[in-house]
Amino acid sequence: MKFLDLQGAKFPALGFGTWQLTGEQCTQAVKAAINIGYRHIDTAQIYENEGEVGQGIKNAGISRKELFVTTKIWTSNFTSALVASSMEESLEKLGMDYVDLLLMHWPNPAIPLAETLGAMQELVKKGKTKAIGVSNFPVALMREAVEKCKVPVACNQVEYHAMLSQKSVLNYAHGYGIIVTAYSPLGRGKLANHPLLTEIGRKYGKTSSQIALRWLIDQSNVAAIPKAASEKNAKVNFDIFDFELSASDQKEINALGGDNRLINPGFAPQWDAA
């Protein structure tokens, strides 16, 4: 496993995403992921599966201290009062006293950013979360968070994969020690049979998807959180630590870039140019 430094905490570069996993399937998937070796579990209020995620962690029988757990506050809970109460609700569902990372889940221009991040920082002081961050923030909003709010931003979780350049976000984040976590790192399945990644994979005895994940976590201060409903796929995604991509292979994948954004709801912010 590769670890990143998230404000002094060990942040596993490969995590297990749980978006669209619900019910018993979610509980079993989380338990299986932990048994495979995942130590970074990602969930969110809007996923409506925090209870199942917490049960899966409990069923795995692992010490809480060995895990890094991330959840996210939904945009309708961004006022000071709701940040605190919704955090308590999340912790109750998860069956935990704290999370390791709490993120704003998408920006909400109707509520001042300073108000939300300030309330989240109070949760750090109270021990409800170890660190705070944002998600789906373009550079303009990252800059506002860093320069105007004066609150330590640990992470920005964004869609990032070999078909979507996030150069602007990455460059800004690196300048301030902010980790970029890639969700949909496999392009929602579109990278499973990518010609270039498949060709590179043959050299290492790896799949196209494994190459895509390795390419991400080989980058400085980048983590990835692939989702896998089946234990088989979760194992495949985790099996990426026994090889390293050559500089020439990394360069070829870097050149793919592009603006193939897959997650772009109507309330999304103005994205940075690819």
C-alpha atoms as a PDB file:
ATOM      1  CA  MET A   1       0.000   0.000   0.000  1.00  0.00           C
ATOM      2  CA  LYS A   2       1.148   3.537  -0.707  1.00  0.00           C
ATOM      3  CA  PHE A   3       0.385   6.253   1.840  1.00  0.00           C
ATOM      4  CA  LEU A   4       0.174  10.005   1.395  1.00  0.00           C
ATOM      5  CA  ASP A   5       0.746  12.596   4.094  1.00  0.00           C
ATOM      6  CA  LEU A   6      -2.574  14.294   4.849  1.00  0.00           C
ATOM      7  CA  GLN A   7      -1.738  16.958   7.424  1.00  0.00           C
ATOM      8  CA  GLY A   8       0.341  14.458   9.363  1.00  0.00           C
ATOM      9  CA  ALA A   9      -2.040  11.514   8.958  1.00  0.00           C
ATOM     10  CA  LYS A  10      -1.339   8.423   6.851  1.00  0.00           C
ATOM     11  CA  PHE A  11      -3.776   8.596   3.945  1.00  0.00           C
ATOM     12  CA  PRO A  12      -3.990   5.386   1.863  1.00  0.00           C
ATOM     13  CA  ALA A  13      -3.530   6.319  -1.799  1.00  0.00           C
ATOM     14  CA  LEU A  14      -5.981   3.627  -2.860  1.00  0.00           C
ATOM     15  CA  GLY A  15      -9.398   3.695  -1.239  1.00  0.00           C
ATOM     16  CA  PHE A  16     -12.716   1.907  -1.637  1.00  0.00           C
ATOM     17  CA  GLY A  17     -15.569   3.985  -3.045  1.00  0.00           C
ATOM     18  CA  THR A  18     -19.169   3.185  -2.103  1.00  0.00           C
ATOM     19  CA  TRP A  19     -21.260   5.412  -4.378  1.00  0.00           C
ATOM     20  CA  GLN A  20     -24.403   3.549  -5.544  1.00  0.00           C
ATOM     21  CA  LEU A  21     -23.734   0.669  -3.147  1.00  0.00           C
ATOM     22  CA  THR A  22     -26.732   0.170  -0.851  1.00  0.00           C
ATOM     23  CA  GLY A  23     -28.254  -2.317   1.543  1.00  0.00           C
ATOM     24  CA  GLU A  24     -26.692  -5.682   2.264  1.00  0.00           C
ATOM     25  CA  GLN A  25     -24.615  -5.465  -0.910  1.00  0.00           C
ATOM     26  CA  CYS A  26     -22.882  -2.397   0.485  1.00  0.00           C
ATOM     27  CA  THR A  27     -22.259  -3.984   3.880  1.00  0.00           C
ATOM     28  CA  GLN A  28     -20.777  -7.112   2.313  1.00  0.00           C
ATOM     29  CA  ALA A  29     -18.703  -5.111  -0.177  1.00  0.00           C
ATOM     30  CA  VAL A  30     -17.143  -2.962   2.553  1.00  0.00           C
ATOM     31  CA  LYS A  31     -16.350  -5.997   4.699  1.00  0.00           C
ATOM     32  CA  ALA A  32     -14.801  -7.785   1.714  1.00  0.00           C
ATOM     33  CA  ALA A  33     -12.767  -4.714   0.774  1.00  0.00           C
ATOM     34  CA  ILE A  34     -11.283  -4.477   4.258  1.00  0.00           C
ATOM     35  CA  ASN A  35     -10.468  -8.182   4.231  1.00  0.00           C
ATOM     36  CA  ILE A  36      -8.704  -7.705   0.888  1.00  0.00           C
ATOM     37  CA  GLY A  37      -6.540  -4.986   2.399  1.00  0.00           C
ATOM     38  CA  TYR A  38      -8.269  -1.665   1.769  1.00  0.00           C
ATOM     39  CA  ARG A  39      -7.820   0.723   4.680  1.00  0.00           C
ATOM     40  CA  HIS A  40      -9.453   3.816   3.190  1.00  0.00           C
ATOM     41  CA  ILE A  41     -13.263   3.772   2.929  1.00  0.00           C
ATOM     42  CA  ASP A  42     -15.182   6.604   1.260  1.00  0.00           C
ATOM     43  CA  THR A  43     -18.869   7.378   1.741  1.00  0.00           C
ATOM     44  CA  ALA A  44     -21.207  10.412   1.843  1.00  0.00           C
ATOM     45  CA  GLN A  45     -24.497  11.550   3.326  1.00  0.00           C
ATOM     46  CA  ILE A  46     -26.178  11.692  -0.071  1.00  0.00           C
ATOM     47  CA  TYR A  47     -25.208   8.072  -0.810  1.00  0.00           C
ATOM     48  CA  GLU A  48     -27.634   7.062   1.956  1.00  0.00           C
ATOM     49  CA  ASN A  49     -25.372   4.170   2.909  1.00  0.00           C
ATOM     50  CA  GLU A  50     -23.394   5.418   5.917  1.00  0.00           C
ATOM     51  CA  GLY A  51     -25.197   2.904   8.135  1.00  0.00           C
ATOM     52  CA  GLU A  52     -24.344   0.021   5.814  1.00  0.00           C
ATOM     53  CA  VAL A  53     -20.743   1.214   5.499  1.00  0.00           C
ATOM     54  CA  GLY A  54     -20.442   1.364   9.276  1.00  0.00           C
ATOM     55  CA  GLN A  55     -21.916  -2.118   9.620  1.00  0.00           C
ATOM     56  CA  GLY A  56     -19.503  -3.479   7.016  1.00  0.00           C
ATOM     57  CA  ILE A  57     -16.584  -2.001   8.946  1.00  0.00           C
ATOM     58  CA  LYS A  58     -17.920  -3.476  12.182  1.00  0.00           C
ATOM     59  CA  ASN A  59     -18.385  -6.892  10.563  1.00  0.00           C
ATOM     60  CA  ALA A  60     -14.798  -6.851   9.315  1.00  0.00           C
ATOM     61  CA  GLY A  61     -13.664  -6.810  12.938  1.00  0.00           C
ATOM     62  CA  ILE A  62     -10.799  -4.408  12.381  1.00  0.00           C
ATOM     63  CA  SER A  63      -9.581  -1.756  14.795  1.00  0.00           C
ATOM     64  CA  ARG A  64     -10.971   1.684  13.989  1.00  0.00           C
ATOM     65  CA  LYS A  65      -7.455   3.104  14.269  1.00  0.00           C
ATOM     66  CA  GLU A  66      -6.351   1.018  11.291  1.00  0.00           C
ATOM     67  CA  LEU A  67      -8.898   2.634   8.989  1.00  0.00           C
ATOM     68  CA  PHE A  68      -9.172   5.982   7.245  1.00  0.00           C
ATOM     69  CA  VAL A  69     -12.838   6.909   6.809  1.00  0.00           C
ATOM     70  CA  THR A  70     -14.115   9.786   4.680  1.00  0.00           C
ATOM     71  CA  THR A  71     -17.662  11.118   4.522  1.00  0.00           C
ATOM     72  CA  LYS A  72     -19.156  14.211   2.922  1.00  0.00           C
ATOM     73  CA  ILE A  73     -21.712  16.839   3.933  1.00  0.00           C
ATOM     74  CA  TRP A  74     -24.425  17.402   1.349  1.00  0.00           C
ATOM     75  CA  THR A  75     -24.974  20.913  -0.023  1.00  0.00           C
ATOM     76  CA  SER A  76     -28.276  21.453   1.800  1.00  0.00           C
ATOM     77  CA  ASN A  77     -26.453  21.093   5.148  1.00  0.00           C
ATOM     78  CA  PHE A  78     -23.841  23.830   4.646  1.00  0.00           C
ATOM     79  CA  THR A  79     -25.088  26.367   7.205  1.00  0.00           C
ATOM     80  CA  SER A  80     -23.252  26.480  10.538  1.00  0.00           C
ATOM     81  CA  ALA A  81     -26.081  24.841  12.475  1.00  0.00           C
ATOM     82  CA  LEU A  82     -26.665  22.088   9.945  1.00  0.00           C
ATOM     83  CA  VAL A  83     -22.974  21.248   9.538  1.00  0.00           C
ATOM     84  CA  ALA A  84     -22.839  20.319  13.221  1.00  0.00           C
ATOM     85  CA  SER A  85     -26.126  18.410  13.386  1.00  0.00           C
ATOM     86  CA  SER A  86     -25.571  16.521  10.143  1.00  0.00           C
ATOM     87  CA  MET A  87     -22.111  15.476  11.327  1.00  0.00           C
ATOM     88  CA  GLU A  88     -23.661  13.979  14.440  1.00  0.00           C
ATOM     89  CA  GLU A  89     -26.170  12.120  12.279  1.00  0.00           C
ATOM     90  CA  SER A  90     -23.406  10.741  10.060  1.00  0.00           C
ATOM     91  CA  LEU A  91     -21.358   9.588  13.032  1.00  0.00           C
ATOM     92  CA  GLU A  92     -24.388   7.883  14.550  1.00  0.00           C
ATOM     93  CA  LYS A  93     -25.072   6.016  11.312  1.00  0.00           C
ATOM     94  CA  LEU A  94     -21.429   5.038  10.918  1.00  0.00           C
ATOM     95  CA  GLY A  95     -21.244   3.936  14.538  1.00  0.00           C
ATOM     96  CA  MET A  96     -18.118   6.029  15.090  1.00  0.00           C
ATOM     97  CA  ASP A  97     -16.911   8.809  17.339  1.00  0.00           C
ATOM     98  CA  TYR A  98     -15.060  10.554  14.507  1.00  0.00           C
ATOM     99  CA  VAL A  99     -14.188  10.397  10.822  1.00  0.00           C
ATOM    100  CA  ASP A 100     -10.727  10.979   9.456  1.00  0.00           C
ATOM    101  CA  LEU A 101     -11.788  13.345   6.685  1.00  0.00           C
ATOM    102  CA  LEU A 102     -14.955  15.402   6.203  1.00  0.00           C
ATOM    103  CA  LEU A 103     -15.599  17.006   2.819  1.00  0.00           C
ATOM    104  CA  MET A 104     -17.998  19.543   1.392  1.00  0.00           C
ATOM    105  CA  HIS A 105     -19.876  17.530  -1.232  1.00  0.00           C
ATOM    106  CA  TRP A 106     -19.990  19.940  -4.191  1.00  0.00           C
ATOM    107  CA  PRO A 107     -19.952  23.732  -3.772  1.00  0.00           C
ATOM    108  CA  ASN A 108     -23.096  25.699  -2.923  1.00  0.00           C
ATOM    109  CA  PRO A 109     -22.922  29.389  -3.925  1.00  0.00           C
ATOM    110  CA  ALA A 110     -26.030  30.172  -1.846  1.00  0.00           C
ATOM    111  CA  ILE A 111     -24.087  29.715   1.409  1.00  0.00           C
ATOM    112  CA  PRO A 112     -20.814  31.552   2.084  1.00  0.00           C
ATOM    113  CA  LEU A 113     -17.856  29.213   1.796  1.00  0.00           C
ATOM    114  CA  ALA A 114     -16.307  30.723   4.921  1.00  0.00           C
ATOM    115  CA  GLU A 115     -19.396  29.826   6.950  1.00  0.00           C
ATOM    116  CA  THR A 116     -19.302  26.161   5.960  1.00  0.00           C
ATOM    117  CA  LEU A 117     -15.562  25.674   6.289  1.00  0.00           C
ATOM    118  CA  GLY A 118     -15.559  27.587   9.565  1.00  0.00           C
ATOM    119  CA  ALA A 119     -18.223  25.279  10.983  1.00  0.00           C
ATOM    120  CA  MET A 120     -16.288  22.267   9.740  1.00  0.00           C
ATOM    121  CA  GLN A 121     -13.139  23.557  11.410  1.00  0.00           C
ATOM    122  CA  GLU A 122     -15.060  23.661  14.691  1.00  0.00           C
ATOM    123  CA  LEU A 123     -15.732  19.932  14.207  1.00  0.00           C
ATOM    124  CA  VAL A 124     -11.967  19.403  13.967  1.00  0.00           C
ATOM    125  CA  LYS A 125     -11.529  21.218  17.283  1.00  0.00           C
ATOM    126  CA  LYS A 126     -14.210  19.015  18.849  1.00  0.00           C
ATOM    127  CA  GLY A 127     -12.588  15.825  17.568  1.00  0.00           C
ATOM    128  CA  LYS A 128     -15.486  14.895  15.284  1.00  0.00           C
ATOM    129  CA  THR A 129     -13.191  14.823  12.250  1.00  0.00           C
ATOM    130  CA  LYS A 130      -9.419  14.799  11.944  1.00  0.00           C
ATOM    131  CA  ALA A 131      -9.305  16.931   8.798  1.00  0.00           C
ATOM    132  CA  ILE A 132     -11.581  18.764   6.387  1.00  0.00           C
ATOM    133  CA  GLY A 133     -11.671  19.347   2.665  1.00  0.00           C
ATOM    134  CA  VAL A 134     -13.818  19.915  -0.388  1.00  0.00           C
ATOM    135  CA  SER A 135     -14.996  18.083  -3.482  1.00  0.00           C
ATOM    136  CA  ASN A 136     -15.704  19.143  -7.046  1.00  0.00           C
ATOM    137  CA  PHE A 137     -13.956  22.475  -6.516  1.00  0.00           C
ATOM    138  CA  PRO A 138     -12.328  24.133  -9.545  1.00  0.00           C
ATOM    139  CA  VAL A 139      -9.281  26.340  -9.014  1.00  0.00           C
ATOM    140  CA  ALA A 140     -11.276  29.524  -8.381  1.00  0.00           C
ATOM    141  CA  LEU A 141     -13.107  27.962  -5.444  1.00  0.00           C
ATOM    142  CA  MET A 142      -9.972  26.244  -4.146  1.00  0.00           C
ATOM    143  CA  ARG A 143      -8.295  29.655  -4.133  1.00  0.00           C
ATOM    144  CA  GLU A 144     -11.200  31.189  -2.239  1.00  0.00           C
ATOM    145  CA  ALA A 145     -11.075  28.379   0.313  1.00  0.00           C
ATOM    146  CA  VAL A 146      -7.329  28.742   0.848  1.00  0.00           C
ATOM    147  CA  GLU A 147      -6.937  32.518   0.689  1.00  0.00           C
ATOM    148  CA  LYS A 148     -10.197  33.879   2.116  1.00  0.00           C
ATOM    149  CA  CYS A 149     -11.229  31.259   4.638  1.00  0.00           C
ATOM    150  CA  LYS A 150      -7.811  30.664   6.192  1.00  0.00           C
ATOM    151  CA  VAL A 151      -8.921  27.138   7.093  1.00  0.00           C
ATOM    152  CA  PRO A 152      -6.560  24.235   6.365  1.00  0.00           C
ATOM    153  CA  VAL A 153      -7.978  22.396   3.338  1.00  0.00           C
ATOM    154  CA  ALA A 154      -6.567  18.872   3.257  1.00  0.00           C
ATOM    155  CA  CYS A 155      -8.168  17.424   0.135  1.00  0.00           C
ATOM    156  CA  ASN A 156     -10.165  18.127  -3.013  1.00  0.00           C
ATOM    157  CA  GLN A 157     -12.050  15.103  -4.332  1.00  0.00           C
ATOM    158  CA  VAL A 158     -12.772  15.414  -8.053  1.00  0.00           C
ATOM    159  CA  GLU A 159     -13.547  13.297 -11.088  1.00  0.00           C
ATOM    160  CA  TYR A 160     -10.144  12.362 -12.459  1.00  0.00           C
ATOM    161  CA  HIS A 161      -9.071   9.634 -14.853  1.00  0.00           C
ATOM    162  CA  ALA A 162      -6.939   9.102 -17.931  1.00  0.00           C
ATOM    163  CA  MET A 163      -9.579  10.666 -20.202  1.00  0.00           C
ATOM    164  CA  LEU A 164     -10.044  13.838 -18.132  1.00  0.00           C
ATOM    165  CA  SER A 165      -7.246  16.296 -17.563  1.00  0.00           C
ATOM    166  CA  GLN A 166      -7.200  17.954 -14.154  1.00  0.00           C
ATOM    167  CA  LYS A 167      -3.932  19.780 -14.702  1.00  0.00           C
ATOM    168  CA  SER A 168      -5.147  23.127 -13.353  1.00  0.00           C
ATOM    169  CA  VAL A 169      -6.576  21.603 -10.168  1.00  0.00           C
ATOM    170  CA  LEU A 170      -3.485  19.449  -9.646  1.00  0.00           C
ATOM    171  CA  ASN A 171      -1.083  22.340 -10.106  1.00  0.00           C
ATOM    172  CA  TYR A 172      -2.940  24.550  -7.627  1.00  0.00           C
ATOM    173  CA  ALA A 173      -3.399  21.740  -5.104  1.00  0.00           C
ATOM    174  CA  HIS A 174       0.283  20.814  -5.167  1.00  0.00           C
ATOM    175  CA  GLY A 175       1.243  24.388  -4.377  1.00  0.00           C
ATOM    176  CA  TYR A 176      -0.709  24.225  -1.112  1.00  0.00           C
ATOM    177  CA  GLY A 177      -0.138  20.609  -0.083  1.00  0.00           C
ATOM    178  CA  ILE A 178      -3.716  19.634  -0.914  1.00  0.00           C
ATOM    179  CA  ILE A 179      -4.282  15.995  -1.836  1.00  0.00           C
ATOM    180  CA  VAL A 180      -6.404  15.355  -4.928  1.00  0.00           C
ATOM    181  CA  THR A 181      -8.579  12.256  -4.631  1.00  0.00           C
ATOM    182  CA  ALA A 182      -9.825  10.845  -7.916  1.00  0.00           C
ATOM    183  CA  TYR A 183     -13.375   9.535  -7.995  1.00  0.00           C
ATOM    184  CA  SER A 184     -14.603   7.580 -11.026  1.00  0.00           C
ATOM    185  CA  PRO A 185     -10.910   6.775 -11.615  1.00  0.00           C
ATOM    186  CA  LEU A 186     -11.856   4.126 -14.172  1.00  0.00           C
ATOM    187  CA  GLY A 187     -14.115   6.450 -16.134  1.00  0.00           C
ATOM    188  CA  ARG A 188     -17.216   4.556 -14.981  1.00  0.00           C
ATOM    189  CA  GLY A 189     -15.996   1.463 -16.807  1.00  0.00           C
ATOM    190  CA  LYS A 190     -14.965   3.247 -19.998  1.00  0.00           C
ATOM    191  CA  LEU A 191     -11.277   2.531 -19.349  1.00  0.00           C
ATOM    192  CA  ALA A 192     -11.767  -1.222 -18.915  1.00  0.00           C
ATOM    193  CA  ASN A 193     -10.781  -1.950 -22.508  1.00  0.00           C
ATOM    194  CA  HIS A 194      -8.914   1.191 -23.495  1.00  0.00           C
ATOM    195  CA  PRO A 195      -6.518   0.323 -26.373  1.00  0.00           C
ATOM    196  CA  LEU A 196      -3.453   2.144 -25.037  1.00  0.00           C
ATOM    197  CA  LEU A 197      -3.953   1.020 -21.439  1.00  0.00           C
ATOM    198  CA  THR A 198      -4.560  -2.550 -22.579  1.00  0.00           C
ATOM    199  CA  GLU A 199      -1.366  -2.476 -24.659  1.00  0.00           C
ATOM    200  CA  ILE A 200       0.670  -1.130 -21.745  1.00  0.00           C
ATOM    201  CA  GLY A 201      -0.956  -3.672 -19.428  1.00  0.00           C
ATOM    202  CA  ARG A 202       0.341  -6.588 -21.487  1.00  0.00           C
ATOM    203  CA  LYS A 203       3.902  -5.608 -20.581  1.00  0.00           C
ATOM    204  CA  TYR A 204       3.141  -5.887 -16.878  1.00  0.00           C
ATOM    205  CA  GLY A 205       0.595  -8.685 -16.913  1.00  0.00           C
ATOM    206  CA  LYS A 206      -2.069  -6.233 -15.786  1.00  0.00           C
ATOM    207  CA  THR A 207      -5.506  -5.166 -16.997  1.00  0.00           C
ATOM    208  CA  SER A 208      -6.345  -1.816 -18.556  1.00  0.00           C
ATOM    209  CA  SER A 209      -8.114  -0.809 -15.329  1.00  0.00           C
ATOM    210  CA  GLN A 210      -5.107  -1.706 -13.195  1.00  0.00           C
ATOM    211  CA  ILE A 211      -2.886   0.443 -15.397  1.00  0.00           C
ATOM    212  CA  ALA A 212      -5.348   3.340 -15.068  1.00  0.00           C
ATOM    213  CA  LEU A 213      -5.292   3.101 -11.270  1.00  0.00           C
ATOM    214  CA  ARG A 214      -1.531   2.711 -11.043  1.00  0.00           C
ATOM    215  CA  TRP A 215      -1.075   5.766 -13.259  1.00  0.00           C
ATOM    216  CA  LEU A 216      -3.137   7.821 -10.821  1.00  0.00           C
ATOM    217  CA  ILE A 217      -1.476   6.777  -7.586  1.00  0.00           C
ATOM    218  CA  ASP A 218       1.995   7.125  -9.124  1.00  0.00           C
ATOM    219  CA  GLN A 219       1.339  10.864  -9.281  1.00  0.00           C
ATOM    220  CA  SER A 220       2.402  13.144  -6.470  1.00  0.00           C
ATOM    221  CA  ASN A 221      -0.308  13.708  -3.842  1.00  0.00           C
ATOM    222  CA  VAL A 222      -3.007  11.856  -5.812  1.00  0.00           C
ATOM    223  CA  ALA A 223      -5.282   9.154  -4.384  1.00  0.00           C
ATOM    224  CA  ALA A 224      -7.976   7.078  -6.102  1.00  0.00           C
ATOM    225  CA  ILE A 225     -11.214   5.559  -4.801  1.00  0.00           C
ATOM    226  CA  PRO A 226     -12.553   2.991  -7.278  1.00  0.00           C
ATOM    227  CA  LYS A 227     -15.896   1.390  -6.498  1.00  0.00           C
ATOM    228  CA  ALA A 228     -16.388  -2.353  -6.899  1.00  0.00           C
ATOM    229  CA  ALA A 229     -19.649  -4.142  -6.215  1.00  0.00           C
ATOM    230  CA  SER A 230     -18.034  -7.579  -6.480  1.00  0.00           C
ATOM    231  CA  GLU A 231     -15.222  -8.979  -4.358  1.00  0.00           C
ATOM    232  CA  LYS A 232     -13.499 -10.142  -7.546  1.00  0.00           C
ATOM    233  CA  ASN A 233     -13.273  -6.625  -8.964  1.00  0.00           C
ATOM    234  CA  ALA A 234     -12.259  -5.184  -5.607  1.00  0.00           C
ATOM    235  CA  LYS A 235      -9.336  -7.632  -5.550  1.00  0.00           C
ATOM    236  CA  VAL A 236      -8.323  -6.741  -9.095  1.00  0.00           C
ATOM    237  CA  ASN A 237      -8.362  -3.023  -8.272  1.00  0.00           C
ATOM    238  CA  PHE A 238      -6.226  -3.602  -5.185  1.00  0.00           C
ATOM    239  CA  ASP A 239      -3.626  -5.681  -7.029  1.00  0.00           C
ATOM    240  CA  ILE A 240      -1.599  -2.729  -8.302  1.00  0.00           C
ATOM    241  CA  PHE A 241       1.276  -2.495  -5.854  1.00  0.00           C
ATOM    242  CA  ASP A 242       3.602  -5.115  -7.341  1.00  0.00           C
ATOM    243  CA  PHE A 243       4.739  -3.094 -10.363  1.00  0.00           C
ATOM    244  CA  GLU A 244       5.636   0.442 -11.411  1.00  0.00           C
ATOM    245  CA  LEU A 245       4.922   2.149 -14.708  1.00  0.00           C
ATOM    246  CA  SER A 246       7.952   3.276 -16.671  1.00  0.00           C
ATOM    247  CA  ALA A 247       8.429   6.974 -17.339  1.00  0.00           C
ATOM    248  CA  SER A 248       7.654   6.421 -21.023  1.00  0.00           C
ATOM    249  CA  ASP A 249       4.393   4.616 -20.208  1.00  0.00           C
ATOM    250  CA  GLN A 250       3.368   7.394 -17.845  1.00  0.00           C
ATOM    251  CA  LYS A 251       4.111   9.951 -20.548  1.00  0.00           C
ATOM    252  CA  GLU A 252       1.926   8.120 -23.067  1.00  0.00           C
ATOM    253  CA  ILE A 253      -1.000   8.012 -20.638  1.00  0.00           C
ATOM    254  CA  ASN A 254      -0.467  11.656 -19.698  1.00  0.00           C
ATOM    255  CA  ALA A 255      -0.857  12.539 -23.365  1.00  0.00           C
ATOM    256  CA  LEU A 256      -4.386  11.107 -23.461  1.00  0.00           C
ATOM    257  CA  GLY A 257      -5.762  13.955 -21.349  1.00  0.00           C
ATOM    258  CA  GLY A 258      -8.856  15.499 -22.831  1.00  0.00           C
ATOM    259  CA  ASP A 259     -12.121  16.820 -21.452  1.00  0.00           C
ATOM    260  CA  ASN A 260     -14.183  13.649 -21.199  1.00  0.00           C
ATOM    261  CA  ARG A 261     -16.094  14.616 -18.069  1.00  0.00           C
ATOM    262  CA  LEU A 262     -18.703  12.056 -17.036  1.00  0.00           C
ATOM    263  CA  ILE A 263     -20.150  13.676 -13.886  1.00  0.00           C
ATOM    264  CA  ASN A 264     -21.580  17.098 -14.659  1.00  0.00           C
ATOM    265  CA  PRO A 265     -24.913  17.857 -12.936  1.00  0.00           C
ATOM    266  CA  GLY A 266     -26.806  21.068 -13.527  1.00  0.00           C
ATOM    267  CA  PHE A 267     -25.585  22.536 -10.220  1.00  0.00           C
ATOM    268  CA  ALA A 268     -21.918  21.942 -11.061  1.00  0.00           C
ATOM    269  CA  PRO A 269     -19.517  24.912 -10.862  1.00  0.00           C
ATOM    270  CA  GLN A 270     -17.692  26.434 -13.837  1.00  0.00           C
ATOM    271  CA  TRP A 271     -15.004  23.868 -14.551  1.00  0.00           C
ATOM    272  CA  ASP A 272     -11.416  24.715 -15.443  1.00  0.00           C
ATOM    273  CA  ALA A 273     -10.404  24.358 -19.073  1.00  0.00           C
ATOM    274  CA  ALA A 274      -8.832  20.983 -19.872  1.00  0.00           C
END
